[in-house]
Amino acid sequence: MKLSKIYELVVKEGIAADPRGRELVTKDLARAKKEYDELKEKDKEIFDKERLVNPYADSRLLNGDPALDVKTILLGIDIEIGEILLADRLRQLNKKIDLVISHHPEGYARANFYNVMNMQVDIFSKIGIPITVAEGLLKERMKEVERKVSPLNHSRAVDAAKLLNIAFMCVHTPADNHVATYLQKLIDDKKPQDVGEILEVLRDIPEYREAIKLNAGPRILIGDPKNRAGRIFVDMTGGTEGPKEIFDRLEQVGVGTVVAMHLSEEHFKNVQKEHINVVVAGHISSDSLGLNLFLDKLEKEDKLELITCSGFKRIKR
């Protein structure tokens, strides 16, 4: 499969699985087109033109010829210099690696990945939070994330890939869209009545069963197994954690339980003030589930050899 085809499929399937729905994603792309059209010519030269076709700032083709024919892919949750060197070492051992895919963003996709957080405004709006409130809270949170990301040396792994002539791509929000949509539908279908039943639903999923073996499985962070679940909201896409103040608003619109990948200490302290249960499914296992759901679609397009590393395990459905 051509490298360009893989990248196009990442975007296409990411949009198809986006919890906002295709209409809102299309509006996002239209806004980017309008912004581009209104720029002066000198500013158009430095505009990230991928924004015109790809609504996910944290997912990009970072290195490689789009016409490259890809047969073997090395995939991991985090691909940094060590994993790039691993790919090169495998090539020295006569294992042809055509492409390396990272789940978490690297390079210029990492430098401004916080822009993808805008999608959380529409996600929160869909569950009943006023869009003006969601937008106001998200703006402050995005600025906070921007301040944390801006000092980082985000090009290290990409530079290593360029020196070693290794094609490199990152697939973040498109994969997270898959896990968020999949789990929300599964939970809606299963209709767990209490928090313990939510945990059982998650424990039946192979990626989470594997995580349990590694002492990194789903767990109840806030609440009790016998607590009634109420309305369940799966919060697993949109770049990173949203604003810590959102939990008060979630309670107001009737959310009784949040199922998340992870929860920072600051967010944990904030949600404790509300009457909301929190189930943490697991970060790396949730990332793996999202990637696996996407890879099932990718492998329907062509036969590929997938080699896994950095916390990722391929599980087919």
C-alpha atoms as a PDB file:
ATOM      1  CA  MET A   1       0.000   0.000   0.000  1.00  0.00           C
ATOM      2  CA  LYS A   2       1.262   3.475  -0.832  1.00  0.00           C
ATOM      3  CA  LEU A   3       2.244   5.661   2.119  1.00  0.00           C
ATOM      4  CA  SER A   4      -0.136   8.355   0.883  1.00  0.00           C
ATOM      5  CA  LYS A   5      -3.012   5.845   0.866  1.00  0.00           C
ATOM      6  CA  ILE A   6      -2.340   4.914   4.509  1.00  0.00           C
ATOM      7  CA  TYR A   7      -2.349   8.573   5.521  1.00  0.00           C
ATOM      8  CA  GLU A   8      -5.550   9.246   3.575  1.00  0.00           C
ATOM      9  CA  LEU A   9      -7.201   6.277   5.286  1.00  0.00           C
ATOM     10  CA  VAL A  10      -6.147   7.603   8.715  1.00  0.00           C
ATOM     11  CA  VAL A  11      -7.984  10.855   8.006  1.00  0.00           C
ATOM     12  CA  LYS A  12     -11.001   9.222   6.336  1.00  0.00           C
ATOM     13  CA  GLU A  13     -11.613   6.682   9.094  1.00  0.00           C
ATOM     14  CA  GLY A  14     -10.857   9.235  11.799  1.00  0.00           C
ATOM     15  CA  ILE A  15     -13.653  11.408  10.441  1.00  0.00           C
ATOM     16  CA  ALA A  16     -16.005   8.413  10.106  1.00  0.00           C
ATOM     17  CA  ALA A  17     -15.466   7.555  13.798  1.00  0.00           C
ATOM     18  CA  ASP A  18     -15.549  11.155  15.063  1.00  0.00           C
ATOM     19  CA  PRO A  19     -18.131  11.445  17.888  1.00  0.00           C
ATOM     20  CA  ARG A  20     -19.070  14.941  16.669  1.00  0.00           C
ATOM     21  CA  GLY A  21     -20.449  13.592  13.402  1.00  0.00           C
ATOM     22  CA  ARG A  22     -19.354  14.277   9.833  1.00  0.00           C
ATOM     23  CA  GLU A  23     -21.306  17.537   9.475  1.00  0.00           C
ATOM     24  CA  LEU A  24     -19.424  19.320  12.263  1.00  0.00           C
ATOM     25  CA  VAL A  25     -16.076  17.974  11.042  1.00  0.00           C
ATOM     26  CA  THR A  26     -16.830  19.296   7.556  1.00  0.00           C
ATOM     27  CA  LYS A  27     -17.540  22.718   9.052  1.00  0.00           C
ATOM     28  CA  ASP A  28     -14.152  22.564  10.775  1.00  0.00           C
ATOM     29  CA  LEU A  29     -12.439  21.985   7.431  1.00  0.00           C
ATOM     30  CA  ALA A  30     -14.452  24.794   5.844  1.00  0.00           C
ATOM     31  CA  ARG A  31     -13.254  27.198   8.562  1.00  0.00           C
ATOM     32  CA  ALA A  32      -9.643  26.211   7.841  1.00  0.00           C
ATOM     33  CA  LYS A  33     -10.216  26.819   4.115  1.00  0.00           C
ATOM     34  CA  LYS A  34     -11.708  30.254   4.815  1.00  0.00           C
ATOM     35  CA  GLU A  35      -8.759  31.141   7.065  1.00  0.00           C
ATOM     36  CA  TYR A  36      -6.330  30.085   4.325  1.00  0.00           C
ATOM     37  CA  ASP A  37      -8.153  31.971   1.567  1.00  0.00           C
ATOM     38  CA  GLU A  38      -8.037  35.205   3.571  1.00  0.00           C
ATOM     39  CA  LEU A  39      -4.262  35.061   4.129  1.00  0.00           C
ATOM     40  CA  LYS A  40      -1.714  37.132   2.259  1.00  0.00           C
ATOM     41  CA  GLU A  41       0.406  35.162  -0.210  1.00  0.00           C
ATOM     42  CA  LYS A  42       3.504  35.237   2.021  1.00  0.00           C
ATOM     43  CA  ASP A  43       1.457  33.808   4.906  1.00  0.00           C
ATOM     44  CA  LYS A  44      -0.053  31.102   2.688  1.00  0.00           C
ATOM     45  CA  GLU A  45       3.476  29.790   2.104  1.00  0.00           C
ATOM     46  CA  ILE A  46       3.876  28.903   5.792  1.00  0.00           C
ATOM     47  CA  PHE A  47       0.290  27.762   6.417  1.00  0.00           C
ATOM     48  CA  ASP A  48      -0.047  24.058   7.315  1.00  0.00           C
ATOM     49  CA  LYS A  49      -1.991  23.011   4.215  1.00  0.00           C
ATOM     50  CA  GLU A  50      -2.779  19.628   5.753  1.00  0.00           C
ATOM     51  CA  ARG A  51      -5.397  21.510   7.775  1.00  0.00           C
ATOM     52  CA  LEU A  52      -7.437  21.854   4.580  1.00  0.00           C
ATOM     53  CA  VAL A  53      -7.995  18.082   4.360  1.00  0.00           C
ATOM     54  CA  ASN A  54      -7.089  16.758   7.816  1.00  0.00           C
ATOM     55  CA  PRO A  55      -9.007  18.156  10.829  1.00  0.00           C
ATOM     56  CA  TYR A  56      -6.671  16.488  13.354  1.00  0.00           C
ATOM     57  CA  ALA A  57      -3.602  18.614  14.139  1.00  0.00           C
ATOM     58  CA  ASP A  58      -2.002  15.761  16.096  1.00  0.00           C
ATOM     59  CA  SER A  59      -1.903  13.273  13.199  1.00  0.00           C
ATOM     60  CA  ARG A  60       0.543  13.860  10.365  1.00  0.00           C
ATOM     61  CA  LEU A  61       2.893  12.225   7.890  1.00  0.00           C
ATOM     62  CA  LEU A  62       6.176  13.353   9.448  1.00  0.00           C
ATOM     63  CA  ASN A  63       8.728  11.879   7.039  1.00  0.00           C
ATOM     64  CA  GLY A  64       8.766   9.823   3.880  1.00  0.00           C
ATOM     65  CA  ASP A  65       7.884   9.857   0.201  1.00  0.00           C
ATOM     66  CA  PRO A  66       4.078   9.654  -0.210  1.00  0.00           C
ATOM     67  CA  ALA A  67       4.668   7.308  -3.176  1.00  0.00           C
ATOM     68  CA  LEU A  68       6.584   4.822  -0.984  1.00  0.00           C
ATOM     69  CA  ASP A  69       5.245   1.270  -1.220  1.00  0.00           C
ATOM     70  CA  VAL A  70       4.635   0.031   2.345  1.00  0.00           C
ATOM     71  CA  LYS A  71       4.543  -3.659   3.245  1.00  0.00           C
ATOM     72  CA  THR A  72       5.952  -3.768   6.791  1.00  0.00           C
ATOM     73  CA  ILE A  73       5.091  -1.326   9.607  1.00  0.00           C
ATOM     74  CA  LEU A  74       6.585  -0.933  13.081  1.00  0.00           C
ATOM     75  CA  LEU A  75       3.926   0.466  15.439  1.00  0.00           C
ATOM     76  CA  GLY A  76       4.081   1.717  19.016  1.00  0.00           C
ATOM     77  CA  ILE A  77       2.207   3.952  21.421  1.00  0.00           C
ATOM     78  CA  ASP A  78       5.232   6.238  21.813  1.00  0.00           C
ATOM     79  CA  ILE A  79       7.876   6.431  19.102  1.00  0.00           C
ATOM     80  CA  GLU A  80      10.900   8.445  20.093  1.00  0.00           C
ATOM     81  CA  ILE A  81      14.582   8.249  19.201  1.00  0.00           C
ATOM     82  CA  GLY A  82      14.943   4.837  20.863  1.00  0.00           C
ATOM     83  CA  GLU A  83      12.196   3.301  18.749  1.00  0.00           C
ATOM     84  CA  ILE A  84      13.545   4.919  15.567  1.00  0.00           C
ATOM     85  CA  LEU A  85      16.911   3.312  16.351  1.00  0.00           C
ATOM     86  CA  LEU A  86      15.070   0.035  17.000  1.00  0.00           C
ATOM     87  CA  ALA A  87      13.579   0.242  13.503  1.00  0.00           C
ATOM     88  CA  ASP A  88      17.050   0.827  12.067  1.00  0.00           C
ATOM     89  CA  ARG A  89      18.460  -2.085  14.080  1.00  0.00           C
ATOM     90  CA  LEU A  90      15.719  -4.376  12.770  1.00  0.00           C
ATOM     91  CA  ARG A  91      16.664  -3.334   9.249  1.00  0.00           C
ATOM     92  CA  GLN A  92      20.277  -4.266  10.027  1.00  0.00           C
ATOM     93  CA  LEU A  93      18.953  -7.694  11.032  1.00  0.00           C
ATOM     94  CA  ASN A  94      17.360  -7.975   7.577  1.00  0.00           C
ATOM     95  CA  LYS A  95      13.842  -7.115   8.747  1.00  0.00           C
ATOM     96  CA  LYS A  96      12.631  -4.608   6.193  1.00  0.00           C
ATOM     97  CA  ILE A  97      10.782  -1.779   7.972  1.00  0.00           C
ATOM     98  CA  ASP A  98       9.013   0.479   5.482  1.00  0.00           C
ATOM     99  CA  LEU A  99       7.156   2.723   7.922  1.00  0.00           C
ATOM    100  CA  VAL A 100       7.101   3.561  11.633  1.00  0.00           C
ATOM    101  CA  ILE A 101       3.795   4.672  13.167  1.00  0.00           C
ATOM    102  CA  SER A 102       3.506   6.366  16.556  1.00  0.00           C
ATOM    103  CA  HIS A 103       0.189   6.812  18.318  1.00  0.00           C
ATOM    104  CA  HIS A 104       1.247   9.833  20.338  1.00  0.00           C
ATOM    105  CA  PRO A 105       2.180  12.860  18.235  1.00  0.00           C
ATOM    106  CA  GLU A 106       5.739  13.812  17.392  1.00  0.00           C
ATOM    107  CA  GLY A 107       7.313  16.636  15.420  1.00  0.00           C
ATOM    108  CA  TYR A 108       5.094  19.469  14.284  1.00  0.00           C
ATOM    109  CA  ALA A 109       2.043  17.366  15.120  1.00  0.00           C
ATOM    110  CA  ARG A 110       3.112  17.486  18.761  1.00  0.00           C
ATOM    111  CA  ALA A 111       4.015  21.170  18.716  1.00  0.00           C
ATOM    112  CA  ASN A 112       0.406  22.275  18.307  1.00  0.00           C
ATOM    113  CA  PHE A 113      -1.608  19.162  19.105  1.00  0.00           C
ATOM    114  CA  TYR A 114      -3.654  21.241  21.559  1.00  0.00           C
ATOM    115  CA  ASN A 115      -5.553  22.695  18.575  1.00  0.00           C
ATOM    116  CA  VAL A 116      -7.424  19.413  18.240  1.00  0.00           C
ATOM    117  CA  MET A 117      -8.931  20.092  21.682  1.00  0.00           C
ATOM    118  CA  ASN A 118     -11.416  22.407  19.970  1.00  0.00           C
ATOM    119  CA  MET A 119     -13.461  19.329  19.079  1.00  0.00           C
ATOM    120  CA  GLN A 120     -14.279  18.892  22.768  1.00  0.00           C
ATOM    121  CA  VAL A 121     -16.507  21.984  22.554  1.00  0.00           C
ATOM    122  CA  ASP A 122     -18.857  20.155  20.190  1.00  0.00           C
ATOM    123  CA  ILE A 123     -18.629  16.896  22.144  1.00  0.00           C
ATOM    124  CA  PHE A 124     -19.625  18.625  25.386  1.00  0.00           C
ATOM    125  CA  SER A 125     -22.332  20.546  23.547  1.00  0.00           C
ATOM    126  CA  LYS A 126     -23.813  17.282  22.224  1.00  0.00           C
ATOM    127  CA  ILE A 127     -24.330  15.980  25.755  1.00  0.00           C
ATOM    128  CA  GLY A 128     -26.095  19.168  26.843  1.00  0.00           C
ATOM    129  CA  ILE A 129     -23.481  21.627  28.116  1.00  0.00           C
ATOM    130  CA  PRO A 130     -24.118  25.099  26.616  1.00  0.00           C
ATOM    131  CA  ILE A 131     -21.667  25.595  23.766  1.00  0.00           C
ATOM    132  CA  THR A 132     -20.629  29.036  25.072  1.00  0.00           C
ATOM    133  CA  VAL A 133     -19.721  27.532  28.439  1.00  0.00           C
ATOM    134  CA  ALA A 134     -17.798  24.655  26.855  1.00  0.00           C
ATOM    135  CA  GLU A 135     -15.952  27.046  24.549  1.00  0.00           C
ATOM    136  CA  GLY A 136     -15.014  29.413  27.369  1.00  0.00           C
ATOM    137  CA  LEU A 137     -13.642  26.609  29.535  1.00  0.00           C
ATOM    138  CA  LEU A 138     -11.784  24.973  26.634  1.00  0.00           C
ATOM    139  CA  LYS A 139     -10.045  28.188  25.588  1.00  0.00           C
ATOM    140  CA  GLU A 140      -8.350  28.501  28.966  1.00  0.00           C
ATOM    141  CA  ARG A 141      -7.431  24.807  29.043  1.00  0.00           C
ATOM    142  CA  MET A 142      -5.953  24.981  25.537  1.00  0.00           C
ATOM    143  CA  LYS A 143      -3.784  27.939  26.549  1.00  0.00           C
ATOM    144  CA  GLU A 144      -2.571  25.941  29.548  1.00  0.00           C
ATOM    145  CA  VAL A 145      -1.633  22.954  27.361  1.00  0.00           C
ATOM    146  CA  GLU A 146       0.029  25.268  24.824  1.00  0.00           C
ATOM    147  CA  ARG A 147       2.240  26.707  27.581  1.00  0.00           C
ATOM    148  CA  LYS A 148       3.286  23.191  28.614  1.00  0.00           C
ATOM    149  CA  VAL A 149       4.060  22.060  25.067  1.00  0.00           C
ATOM    150  CA  SER A 150       5.791  25.158  23.675  1.00  0.00           C
ATOM    151  CA  PRO A 151       9.214  24.681  25.386  1.00  0.00           C
ATOM    152  CA  LEU A 152       9.590  21.065  24.201  1.00  0.00           C
ATOM    153  CA  ASN A 153      12.136  19.910  21.630  1.00  0.00           C
ATOM    154  CA  HIS A 154       9.507  18.155  19.564  1.00  0.00           C
ATOM    155  CA  SER A 155      11.578  17.393  16.432  1.00  0.00           C
ATOM    156  CA  ARG A 156      14.093  14.932  17.906  1.00  0.00           C
ATOM    157  CA  ALA A 157      12.489  11.681  16.745  1.00  0.00           C
ATOM    158  CA  VAL A 158      11.565  13.150  13.349  1.00  0.00           C
ATOM    159  CA  ASP A 159      15.132  14.351  12.802  1.00  0.00           C
ATOM    160  CA  ALA A 160      16.411  10.863  13.658  1.00  0.00           C
ATOM    161  CA  ALA A 161      13.969   9.322  11.174  1.00  0.00           C
ATOM    162  CA  LYS A 162      15.143  11.719   8.461  1.00  0.00           C
ATOM    163  CA  LEU A 163      18.823  10.914   9.084  1.00  0.00           C
ATOM    164  CA  LEU A 164      18.100   7.181   8.900  1.00  0.00           C
ATOM    165  CA  ASN A 165      15.712   7.548   5.943  1.00  0.00           C
ATOM    166  CA  ILE A 166      12.766   6.023   7.812  1.00  0.00           C
ATOM    167  CA  ALA A 167       9.186   6.923   6.905  1.00  0.00           C
ATOM    168  CA  PHE A 168       7.385   8.172  10.017  1.00  0.00           C
ATOM    169  CA  MET A 169       3.754   8.958  10.810  1.00  0.00           C
ATOM    170  CA  CYS A 170       1.673   9.646  13.920  1.00  0.00           C
ATOM    171  CA  VAL A 171      -1.981   8.646  14.347  1.00  0.00           C
ATOM    172  CA  HIS A 172      -3.495  10.157  17.484  1.00  0.00           C
ATOM    173  CA  THR A 173      -7.036  11.568  17.481  1.00  0.00           C
ATOM    174  CA  PRO A 174      -8.256   9.369  14.577  1.00  0.00           C
ATOM    175  CA  ALA A 175      -7.442   6.329  16.742  1.00  0.00           C
ATOM    176  CA  ASP A 176      -8.877   7.927  19.887  1.00  0.00           C
ATOM    177  CA  ASN A 177     -12.092   8.645  17.972  1.00  0.00           C
ATOM    178  CA  HIS A 178     -12.395   4.920  17.345  1.00  0.00           C
ATOM    179  CA  VAL A 179     -12.089   3.943  21.003  1.00  0.00           C
ATOM    180  CA  ALA A 180     -14.418   6.719  22.203  1.00  0.00           C
ATOM    181  CA  THR A 181     -17.159   5.856  19.712  1.00  0.00           C
ATOM    182  CA  TYR A 182     -16.732   2.096  20.180  1.00  0.00           C
ATOM    183  CA  LEU A 183     -16.936   2.211  23.982  1.00  0.00           C
ATOM    184  CA  GLN A 184     -19.829   4.687  24.086  1.00  0.00           C
ATOM    185  CA  LYS A 185     -21.875   2.467  21.759  1.00  0.00           C
ATOM    186  CA  LEU A 186     -20.924  -0.693  23.656  1.00  0.00           C
ATOM    187  CA  ILE A 187     -21.887   0.816  27.008  1.00  0.00           C
ATOM    188  CA  ASP A 188     -25.101   2.270  25.586  1.00  0.00           C
ATOM    189  CA  ASP A 189     -26.000  -1.193  24.234  1.00  0.00           C
ATOM    190  CA  LYS A 190     -25.056  -3.090  27.416  1.00  0.00           C
ATOM    191  CA  LYS A 191     -26.792  -0.546  29.685  1.00  0.00           C
ATOM    192  CA  PRO A 192     -24.793  -1.239  32.875  1.00  0.00           C
ATOM    193  CA  GLN A 193     -26.825  -0.229  35.915  1.00  0.00           C
ATOM    194  CA  ASP A 194     -24.034   0.197  38.439  1.00  0.00           C
ATOM    195  CA  VAL A 195     -20.355   1.125  38.374  1.00  0.00           C
ATOM    196  CA  GLY A 196     -19.228  -2.451  38.940  1.00  0.00           C
ATOM    197  CA  GLU A 197     -21.083  -3.527  35.802  1.00  0.00           C
ATOM    198  CA  ILE A 198     -19.214  -0.889  33.768  1.00  0.00           C
ATOM    199  CA  LEU A 199     -15.983  -2.435  34.996  1.00  0.00           C
ATOM    200  CA  GLU A 200     -17.190  -5.879  33.880  1.00  0.00           C
ATOM    201  CA  VAL A 201     -18.013  -4.563  30.394  1.00  0.00           C
ATOM    202  CA  LEU A 202     -14.475  -3.188  30.088  1.00  0.00           C
ATOM    203  CA  ARG A 203     -12.845  -6.335  31.462  1.00  0.00           C
ATOM    204  CA  ASP A 204     -14.415  -8.391  28.680  1.00  0.00           C
ATOM    205  CA  ILE A 205     -12.502  -6.377  26.057  1.00  0.00           C
ATOM    206  CA  PRO A 206      -9.221  -8.129  25.053  1.00  0.00           C
ATOM    207  CA  GLU A 207      -7.019  -5.017  25.285  1.00  0.00           C
ATOM    208  CA  TYR A 208      -8.166  -4.393  28.853  1.00  0.00           C
ATOM    209  CA  ARG A 209      -7.785  -8.069  29.766  1.00  0.00           C
ATOM    210  CA  GLU A 210      -4.183  -7.872  28.596  1.00  0.00           C
ATOM    211  CA  ALA A 211      -3.699  -4.712  30.660  1.00  0.00           C
ATOM    212  CA  ILE A 212      -5.034  -6.463  33.770  1.00  0.00           C
ATOM    213  CA  LYS A 213      -2.234  -9.033  33.416  1.00  0.00           C
ATOM    214  CA  LEU A 214       0.229  -6.120  33.513  1.00  0.00           C
ATOM    215  CA  ASN A 215      -1.426  -4.534  36.580  1.00  0.00           C
ATOM    216  CA  ALA A 216      -2.658  -1.671  34.391  1.00  0.00           C
ATOM    217  CA  GLY A 217      -6.289  -2.649  33.880  1.00  0.00           C
ATOM    218  CA  PRO A 218      -9.528  -0.691  34.334  1.00  0.00           C
ATOM    219  CA  ARG A 219     -10.408   0.443  37.835  1.00  0.00           C
ATOM    220  CA  ILE A 220     -12.853   2.577  39.735  1.00  0.00           C
ATOM    221  CA  LEU A 221     -11.084   5.808  40.646  1.00  0.00           C
ATOM    222  CA  ILE A 222     -14.030   7.534  42.297  1.00  0.00           C
ATOM    223  CA  GLY A 223     -17.126   5.744  43.510  1.00  0.00           C
ATOM    224  CA  ASP A 224     -18.090   2.269  44.631  1.00  0.00           C
ATOM    225  CA  PRO A 225     -18.924  -0.840  42.551  1.00  0.00           C
ATOM    226  CA  LYS A 226     -22.464  -0.768  43.940  1.00  0.00           C
ATOM    227  CA  ASN A 227     -23.029   2.903  43.098  1.00  0.00           C
ATOM    228  CA  ARG A 228     -25.675   3.473  40.458  1.00  0.00           C
ATOM    229  CA  ALA A 229     -24.052   4.488  37.201  1.00  0.00           C
ATOM    230  CA  GLY A 230     -26.691   6.895  35.918  1.00  0.00           C
ATOM    231  CA  ARG A 231     -25.924   8.487  32.575  1.00  0.00           C
ATOM    232  CA  ILE A 232     -22.505   7.308  31.348  1.00  0.00           C
ATOM    233  CA  PHE A 233     -20.184   9.534  29.329  1.00  0.00           C
ATOM    234  CA  VAL A 234     -17.082   8.091  27.629  1.00  0.00           C
ATOM    235  CA  ASP A 235     -14.463  10.861  27.559  1.00  0.00           C
ATOM    236  CA  MET A 236     -11.566   9.536  25.482  1.00  0.00           C
ATOM    237  CA  THR A 237     -10.851  11.823  22.538  1.00  0.00           C
ATOM    238  CA  GLY A 238      -9.979  15.423  21.794  1.00  0.00           C
ATOM    239  CA  GLY A 239      -6.205  15.583  22.228  1.00  0.00           C
ATOM    240  CA  THR A 240      -5.868  15.414  26.005  1.00  0.00           C
ATOM    241  CA  GLU A 241      -7.855  16.007  29.190  1.00  0.00           C
ATOM    242  CA  GLY A 242     -10.355  18.833  28.965  1.00  0.00           C
ATOM    243  CA  PRO A 243     -10.864  21.618  31.526  1.00  0.00           C
ATOM    244  CA  LYS A 244     -10.949  20.497  35.143  1.00  0.00           C
ATOM    245  CA  GLU A 245     -14.001  22.723  35.718  1.00  0.00           C
ATOM    246  CA  ILE A 246     -16.082  20.641  33.295  1.00  0.00           C
ATOM    247  CA  PHE A 247     -17.144  18.095  35.928  1.00  0.00           C
ATOM    248  CA  ASP A 248     -19.506  20.544  37.598  1.00  0.00           C
ATOM    249  CA  ARG A 249     -21.208  21.055  34.227  1.00  0.00           C
ATOM    250  CA  LEU A 250     -21.338  17.319  33.551  1.00  0.00           C
ATOM    251  CA  GLU A 251     -23.191  16.811  36.820  1.00  0.00           C
ATOM    252  CA  GLN A 252     -25.649  19.560  35.877  1.00  0.00           C
ATOM    253  CA  VAL A 253     -26.564  17.861  32.572  1.00  0.00           C
ATOM    254  CA  GLY A 254     -27.169  14.543  34.312  1.00  0.00           C
ATOM    255  CA  VAL A 255     -23.915  12.622  33.829  1.00  0.00           C
ATOM    256  CA  GLY A 256     -23.498  10.161  36.686  1.00  0.00           C
ATOM    257  CA  THR A 257     -20.358   8.333  35.564  1.00  0.00           C
ATOM    258  CA  VAL A 258     -17.378   9.302  33.424  1.00  0.00           C
ATOM    259  CA  VAL A 259     -15.306   6.599  31.729  1.00  0.00           C
ATOM    260  CA  ALA A 260     -11.875   8.059  30.923  1.00  0.00           C
ATOM    261  CA  MET A 261      -8.457   6.850  29.800  1.00  0.00           C
ATOM    262  CA  HIS A 262      -6.729   8.563  32.702  1.00  0.00           C
ATOM    263  CA  LEU A 263      -7.183  11.427  35.144  1.00  0.00           C
ATOM    264  CA  SER A 264      -4.545  13.883  36.352  1.00  0.00           C
ATOM    265  CA  GLU A 265      -4.217  14.712  40.033  1.00  0.00           C
ATOM    266  CA  GLU A 266      -5.642  18.195  39.469  1.00  0.00           C
ATOM    267  CA  HIS A 267      -8.672  16.808  37.642  1.00  0.00           C
ATOM    268  CA  PHE A 268      -9.048  14.133  40.319  1.00  0.00           C
ATOM    269  CA  LYS A 269      -9.236  16.745  43.079  1.00  0.00           C
ATOM    270  CA  ASN A 270     -11.813  18.717  41.119  1.00  0.00           C
ATOM    271  CA  VAL A 271     -14.132  15.822  40.315  1.00  0.00           C
ATOM    272  CA  GLN A 272     -14.154  14.725  43.970  1.00  0.00           C
ATOM    273  CA  LYS A 273     -16.275  17.798  44.712  1.00  0.00           C
ATOM    274  CA  GLU A 274     -19.027  16.521  42.407  1.00  0.00           C
ATOM    275  CA  HIS A 275     -21.360  13.540  42.732  1.00  0.00           C
ATOM    276  CA  ILE A 276     -19.828  11.731  39.763  1.00  0.00           C
ATOM    277  CA  ASN A 277     -18.313   8.256  39.552  1.00  0.00           C
ATOM    278  CA  VAL A 278     -15.092   7.934  37.553  1.00  0.00           C
ATOM    279  CA  VAL A 279     -13.911   4.725  35.910  1.00  0.00           C
ATOM    280  CA  VAL A 280     -10.373   4.865  34.521  1.00  0.00           C
ATOM    281  CA  ALA A 281     -10.117   2.349  31.700  1.00  0.00           C
ATOM    282  CA  GLY A 282      -6.355   2.698  31.303  1.00  0.00           C
ATOM    283  CA  HIS A 283      -4.272   4.938  29.085  1.00  0.00           C
ATOM    284  CA  ILE A 284      -2.071   2.613  27.036  1.00  0.00           C
ATOM    285  CA  SER A 285      -4.737  -0.094  26.797  1.00  0.00           C
ATOM    286  CA  SER A 286      -7.318   2.424  25.535  1.00  0.00           C
ATOM    287  CA  ASP A 287      -4.801   3.786  23.036  1.00  0.00           C
ATOM    288  CA  SER A 288      -4.174   0.210  21.889  1.00  0.00           C
ATOM    289  CA  LEU A 289      -7.895  -0.466  21.475  1.00  0.00           C
ATOM    290  CA  GLY A 290      -8.325   2.621  19.306  1.00  0.00           C
ATOM    291  CA  LEU A 291      -5.325   1.722  17.147  1.00  0.00           C
ATOM    292  CA  ASN A 292      -6.505  -1.871  16.761  1.00  0.00           C
ATOM    293  CA  LEU A 293      -9.952  -0.776  15.617  1.00  0.00           C
ATOM    294  CA  PHE A 294      -8.350   1.435  12.967  1.00  0.00           C
ATOM    295  CA  LEU A 295      -5.856  -1.248  11.904  1.00  0.00           C
ATOM    296  CA  ASP A 296      -8.715  -3.689  11.305  1.00  0.00           C
ATOM    297  CA  LYS A 297      -9.921  -1.275   8.615  1.00  0.00           C
ATOM    298  CA  LEU A 298      -6.421  -0.676   7.254  1.00  0.00           C
ATOM    299  CA  GLU A 299      -5.742  -4.393   6.846  1.00  0.00           C
ATOM    300  CA  LYS A 300      -8.962  -4.835   4.870  1.00  0.00           C
ATOM    301  CA  GLU A 301      -7.398  -2.593   2.218  1.00  0.00           C
ATOM    302  CA  ASP A 302      -4.169  -4.550   1.760  1.00  0.00           C
ATOM    303  CA  LYS A 303      -2.028  -7.258   3.303  1.00  0.00           C
ATOM    304  CA  LEU A 304       0.524  -5.696   5.650  1.00  0.00           C
ATOM    305  CA  GLU A 305       3.033  -7.070   8.137  1.00  0.00           C
ATOM    306  CA  LEU A 306       2.652  -5.293  11.471  1.00  0.00           C
ATOM    307  CA  ILE A 307       5.428  -5.400  14.081  1.00  0.00           C
ATOM    308  CA  THR A 308       4.515  -4.003  17.493  1.00  0.00           C
ATOM    309  CA  CYS A 309       6.550  -2.258  20.182  1.00  0.00           C
ATOM    310  CA  SER A 310       6.357   0.460  22.852  1.00  0.00           C
ATOM    311  CA  GLY A 311       3.329  -0.824  24.751  1.00  0.00           C
ATOM    312  CA  PHE A 312       1.164  -1.720  21.750  1.00  0.00           C
ATOM    313  CA  LYS A 313      -0.182  -5.224  21.101  1.00  0.00           C
ATOM    314  CA  ARG A 314      -2.061  -6.067  17.913  1.00  0.00           C
ATOM    315  CA  ILE A 315      -5.445  -7.681  18.551  1.00  0.00           C
ATOM    316  CA  LYS A 316      -7.655  -8.360  15.545  1.00  0.00           C
ATOM    317  CA  ARG A 317     -11.440  -8.427  15.438  1.00  0.00           C
END
